[in-house]
Amino acid sequence: MSTAKKIYQMLPAKYRDTILLRSFGLFKVPLLFWLRPSVVELSDENCVIKIPFKRRSKNHLGSMYFGVLACGADCAGGLAAMKMIIDSGESVSLAFKDFEAKFLKRPEADVYFSCSQGVEIKSFVKQVVASGERHNMPVVITATCPDKFGDEAVAIFTLTLSLKKKQPK
């Protein structure tokens, strides 16, 4: 085993998950890398992503730009689904079909994006794999600013997760 792999395995899970998320951003979605998201929690039940409130994520009004909020919601819902797909051992294509957002307060601090539908997503992945057909499922992501508003939501997002098992070539 290489030294890098040994060091990687010695890291706590949240740091490993953050490295994987940022690497995905660097190579596949550079905007995610630019925003510097961190994985706070990634389990079978929950996925929580933090995006820091910095110059690169602010709008002209001094709150978090709505495009950054959309990226955070996409990241939390997508990472939760990717975890379940990887755990299934199957090859499944992931996309979001649509996006609905309700902005409730101005986020003026670090924002945490939470998806607590891990168990539902896991059974959804099993359903998709069993059928081989494309299926859709709404995924709800709640954004909070604990430093400013505690557990009160600043935004609520509903993304339609669209999955299909990849066919062998």
Protein backbone atom coordinates (compact mmCIF):
# COMPACT_ATOMS: atom_id res chain seq x y z
CA MET A 1 0.00 0.00 0.00
CA SER A 2 1.35 3.43 -0.91
CA THR A 3 2.27 5.97 1.75
CA ALA A 4 -0.35 8.40 0.45
CA LYS A 5 -3.07 5.76 0.76
CA LYS A 6 -1.97 4.92 4.32
CA ILE A 7 -2.10 8.59 5.32
CA TYR A 8 -5.49 8.99 3.61
CA GLN A 9 -6.93 6.02 5.56
CA MET A 10 -5.60 7.41 8.85
CA LEU A 11 -7.56 10.66 8.39
CA PRO A 12 -10.93 11.02 10.14
CA ALA A 13 -13.90 10.28 7.84
CA LYS A 14 -15.06 13.90 7.54
CA TYR A 15 -11.63 14.99 6.25
CA ARG A 16 -11.53 12.09 3.77
CA ASP A 17 -15.03 12.98 2.59
CA THR A 18 -14.07 16.65 2.23
CA ILE A 19 -10.97 15.72 0.21
CA LEU A 20 -13.11 13.55 -2.09
CA LEU A 21 -15.73 16.30 -2.48
CA ARG A 22 -13.16 18.96 -3.29
CA SER A 23 -11.33 16.62 -5.68
CA PHE A 24 -14.61 15.97 -7.47
CA GLY A 25 -15.06 19.73 -7.64
CA LEU A 26 -11.55 20.34 -8.95
CA PHE A 27 -11.85 17.81 -11.77
CA LYS A 28 -15.59 17.76 -12.58
CA VAL A 29 -17.29 20.94 -11.27
CA PRO A 30 -14.63 23.64 -10.68
CA LEU A 31 -17.12 26.04 -9.10
CA LEU A 32 -17.58 23.62 -6.20
CA PHE A 33 -13.82 23.57 -5.66
CA TRP A 34 -13.74 27.38 -5.73
CA LEU A 35 -16.42 27.60 -3.01
CA ARG A 36 -14.42 25.33 -0.65
CA PRO A 37 -17.25 23.16 0.71
CA SER A 38 -16.56 20.95 3.72
CA VAL A 39 -18.29 17.73 4.72
CA VAL A 40 -19.58 18.08 8.28
CA GLU A 41 -21.40 14.73 8.28
CA LEU A 42 -21.89 11.95 5.77
CA SER A 43 -23.73 8.91 7.09
CA ASP A 44 -26.46 6.51 6.01
CA GLU A 45 -29.02 8.95 7.42
CA ASN A 46 -27.61 12.46 6.92
CA CYS A 47 -25.40 14.55 4.70
CA VAL A 48 -24.34 17.99 5.95
CA ILE A 49 -22.16 20.31 3.87
CA LYS A 50 -20.78 23.67 5.01
CA ILE A 51 -19.96 26.49 2.63
CA PRO A 52 -18.00 29.31 4.26
CA PHE A 53 -19.28 32.87 4.12
CA LYS A 54 -16.33 34.60 2.46
CA ARG A 55 -15.73 37.21 -0.20
CA ARG A 56 -16.08 34.61 -2.97
CA SER A 57 -19.57 33.55 -1.80
CA LYS A 58 -21.11 36.98 -1.05
CA ASN A 59 -23.43 39.06 -3.18
CA HIS A 60 -23.58 42.85 -3.44
CA LEU A 61 -25.92 43.02 -0.41
CA GLY A 62 -23.48 41.29 1.94
CA SER A 63 -25.35 37.98 2.13
CA MET A 64 -24.59 34.66 0.46
CA TYR A 65 -25.23 34.76 -3.27
CA PHE A 66 -28.23 32.65 -4.32
CA GLY A 67 -26.11 30.78 -6.89
CA VAL A 68 -23.81 29.67 -4.08
CA LEU A 69 -26.85 28.52 -2.11
CA ALA A 70 -27.95 26.51 -5.14
CA CYS A 71 -24.48 24.92 -5.34
CA GLY A 72 -24.64 23.97 -1.66
CA ALA A 73 -28.05 22.34 -2.07
CA ASP A 74 -26.86 20.46 -5.15
CA CYS A 75 -23.75 19.35 -3.28
CA ALA A 76 -25.63 18.06 -0.20
CA GLY A 77 -28.27 16.18 -2.19
CA GLY A 78 -25.78 14.89 -4.74
CA LEU A 79 -23.25 13.67 -2.17
CA ALA A 80 -25.96 11.87 -0.19
CA ALA A 81 -27.05 10.07 -3.37
CA MET A 82 -23.47 9.36 -4.49
CA LYS A 83 -22.72 7.72 -1.13
CA MET A 84 -25.71 5.39 -1.51
CA ILE A 85 -24.79 4.57 -5.11
CA ILE A 86 -21.20 3.76 -4.14
CA ASP A 87 -22.41 1.66 -1.20
CA SER A 88 -24.69 -0.29 -3.58
CA GLY A 89 -21.73 -1.33 -5.74
CA GLU A 90 -23.78 -0.67 -8.87
CA SER A 91 -23.15 1.73 -11.74
CA VAL A 92 -25.92 4.33 -11.64
CA SER A 93 -26.12 7.68 -13.43
CA LEU A 94 -27.15 10.62 -11.26
CA ALA A 95 -28.71 13.90 -12.34
CA PHE A 96 -31.06 16.49 -10.93
CA LYS A 97 -34.18 16.98 -13.04
CA ASP A 98 -35.48 20.19 -11.47
CA PHE A 99 -34.86 22.60 -8.63
CA GLU A 100 -37.18 24.57 -6.35
CA ALA A 101 -35.95 27.09 -3.78
CA LYS A 102 -37.60 29.02 -0.97
CA PHE A 103 -35.39 31.77 0.43
CA LEU A 104 -36.55 32.65 3.95
CA LYS A 105 -33.79 34.81 5.48
CA ARG A 106 -30.60 36.49 4.39
CA PRO A 107 -27.70 34.10 5.07
CA GLU A 108 -24.95 36.32 6.48
CA ALA A 109 -22.71 33.61 7.99
CA ASP A 110 -21.39 30.15 7.09
CA VAL A 111 -24.25 28.08 5.65
CA TYR A 112 -24.89 24.41 6.45
CA PHE A 113 -26.85 22.37 3.90
CA SER A 114 -28.56 19.30 5.38
CA CYS A 115 -30.18 16.34 3.67
CA SER A 116 -31.70 13.84 6.09
CA GLN A 117 -33.22 11.45 3.55
CA GLY A 118 -30.35 8.94 3.46
CA VAL A 119 -32.53 5.93 4.28
CA GLU A 120 -35.08 6.91 1.61
CA ILE A 121 -32.34 7.52 -0.97
CA LYS A 122 -30.80 4.11 -0.19
CA SER A 123 -34.09 2.29 -0.88
CA PHE A 124 -34.60 4.49 -3.96
CA VAL A 125 -31.22 3.36 -5.33
CA LYS A 126 -32.23 -0.28 -4.74
CA GLN A 127 -35.49 0.34 -6.63
CA VAL A 128 -33.63 1.90 -9.57
CA VAL A 129 -31.09 -0.93 -9.73
CA ALA A 130 -33.83 -3.59 -9.59
CA SER A 131 -35.94 -2.00 -12.33
CA GLY A 132 -33.22 -0.77 -14.68
CA GLU A 133 -35.50 2.17 -15.52
CA ARG A 134 -35.07 5.87 -14.79
CA HIS A 135 -36.86 6.98 -11.63
CA ASN A 136 -37.28 10.36 -9.95
CA MET A 137 -37.44 11.29 -6.27
CA PRO A 138 -37.76 14.67 -4.56
CA VAL A 139 -34.90 15.41 -2.16
CA VAL A 140 -35.26 18.20 0.42
CA ILE A 141 -32.23 20.18 1.55
CA THR A 142 -32.45 22.67 4.40
CA ALA A 143 -29.95 25.53 4.67
CA THR A 144 -29.18 27.02 8.07
CA CYS A 145 -26.79 29.61 9.53
CA PRO A 146 -26.21 28.30 13.08
CA ASP A 147 -23.97 31.25 14.04
CA LYS A 148 -26.71 33.75 13.23
CA PHE A 149 -30.08 31.96 13.42
CA GLY A 150 -29.46 28.66 15.21
CA ASP A 151 -31.46 25.78 13.70
CA GLU A 152 -33.89 28.09 11.89
CA ALA A 153 -33.87 27.57 8.11
CA VAL A 154 -32.64 30.36 5.86
CA ALA A 155 -33.65 28.44 2.72
CA ILE A 156 -35.34 25.19 1.77
CA PHE A 157 -34.60 23.46 -1.51
CA THR A 158 -36.39 20.61 -3.26
CA LEU A 159 -34.38 18.93 -6.00
CA THR A 160 -35.71 16.06 -8.09
CA LEU A 161 -33.10 13.32 -8.03
CA SER A 162 -33.15 11.35 -11.27
CA LEU A 163 -31.34 7.99 -11.31
CA LYS A 164 -30.93 5.24 -13.89
CA LYS A 165 -28.83 2.09 -13.80
CA LYS A 166 -26.13 2.21 -16.46
CA GLN A 167 -26.33 -0.56 -19.00
CA PRO A 168 -23.18 -2.61 -19.70
CA LYS A 169 -21.60 -1.87 -23.08
